[in-house]
Structure formats: C-alpha cells, structure tokens
C-alpha cells in the first residue's frame, strides 16, 4: 500500500528529509505488513526489492556448506536488509523472516536513486549499514571456518618440535631397537675380544655412561613430542564437541519443526471436523 509521509519520518534515514522530499519518496515506496513468522523473501529469489524496518524485528539467515541455518542479522526499527542484492541486482543470498508483526518500507533501485539525488548524505547511512552487515559476515566466516588441527599445528611448529617428533618416532620403532641391539652386541664383543687392550673392559663403565646420557636426553625429547600429541588430541576433542553440539541443535530444530507441523495438522483436522459438523 502507499506509504504515509509520517511513516517515513519514523525511519532515522529519512527523518532529515524536508516535506517536499518526503512527499516525493513516499510516492515511490510502499509499506508492507508481515505477520509473525511470515517469510519476507527466501534465498535464491530475485533481489529486486530491499526493506527498511519501521516496526517489529526481522531475522536474516543463510545456510552454510554444512546445510546449517546461520543467523546473519536481526534488523530492527530503522535498519535495512536485502540492500546488497537489490543494489547488485542479484538473487538474495539469505532469507528473511518476520519474528513478530512487522512493518517494512519496500524500496528498489529507482527509489534509492531519487533519494540520493535529493539527499546525497543518505548514501553514507546506507553504506554504514552495509558495512556492518559485511563485518558480521566476516566474523561469521572467521568463527565457522574449520581447519584441520594437524595442519594448523604443523604450520606453527618450530625446528625443535619437528626434531622432537622425528626422535620420538625413530626411538619408538623396531628399527631403533634392532640397530641399537646390534651396536651394543658389537661394542661388548669387541671389548671382550681385545681383553687387556680393551678401552672399556667389562663391566663396560664407559658404555653405561653413554647409555645414561642418551636416556637423559631422549626422555625429555620424547615428552615434548607427547605433549604435542596431547595438544592435537585436545583439539580433535574440541572439534568433536562442536560437531556434536551442532548436530544436537539441528535435531532440536527438526523436532521443533515437527511439532509445528503436528500443530498445523491438528488445526486442519479441527477445521475439517467443524465443517463436517456444520454440514
């Protein structure tokens, strides 16, 4: 329906317009009323129209790659939504639903052109709103972007940590055990065979010193590698918890929708029953 100039004055963006400008703009835009939970537009629809909230609250959502519904914005009185698609003349990348009885002003590119011609500074207000939505989208991407924890740790690891992993990997292998056993047997056999000329005769005190030094160095190196493995396990646990929480949220959402469908079916049954009784 046509827009009353008084309605435009309730919107902060249009409040500074004079009477003539308000009259011109009110003749261009339309006022739309939406009931609670009514869809204003859905993702994929042509973005030829944008909206300014006069009263009520709207929820703007999108769907991520995991098919999860994500809240992008909840514009209230005086705020915009759907402007990016309208200005770019592309399909809506989000869906908008009225959370309660909502009144919006519907505008298109031509309406905005007239507004900017008569009130150029109004463009700064629109850019501020679009910038806030852009930052919200960036924050959403940063929060929801999930990377492989192993890749993140490998990118941040130092040279010492890489050496610790290699030492722990080699020290816990059969290759190390076999080669170390060969060295010990050869060392002991050579010193026994040399008898009085041996540099480390039985009970091989020098060999015990070397083994003690090796164990003293190897133990903390292996502990460093184990600490890094514990960190990886903790990150995997946190990711599993996040996935489980999102799955729980999705299940609860499905249960809520099923309950709503059941209520609607009950309403339809009551309506049919009343019609049959009246007939």
Foldseek 3Di string as FASTA:
>chain_A
DQADLVLQCLAVLSVPDDPVLSVVLSRAKHKDKDAAFAWPFAFPAWLFKKKAWSAAKKWKWAADPVRAIGTLDIDGHNAIPSVVRQVVRGTDRIIMTTNHTTMIIIHHPVSVVSVCVRPVCSVVVVVVRVVVSVVSVVVVCVVPVDDQVVVVCVVPDDPLLVVLQVLLVLVPDVVNVVVVVVVVVVLQVVQVVVPPPRPQHPVRPVVVVVVVVVCVVNVVSPVSNVVVVVVSVVVVVVVVVVVVVSVVVVVVVVVVVVVVVVVVVVVVVVVVVVVVVVD
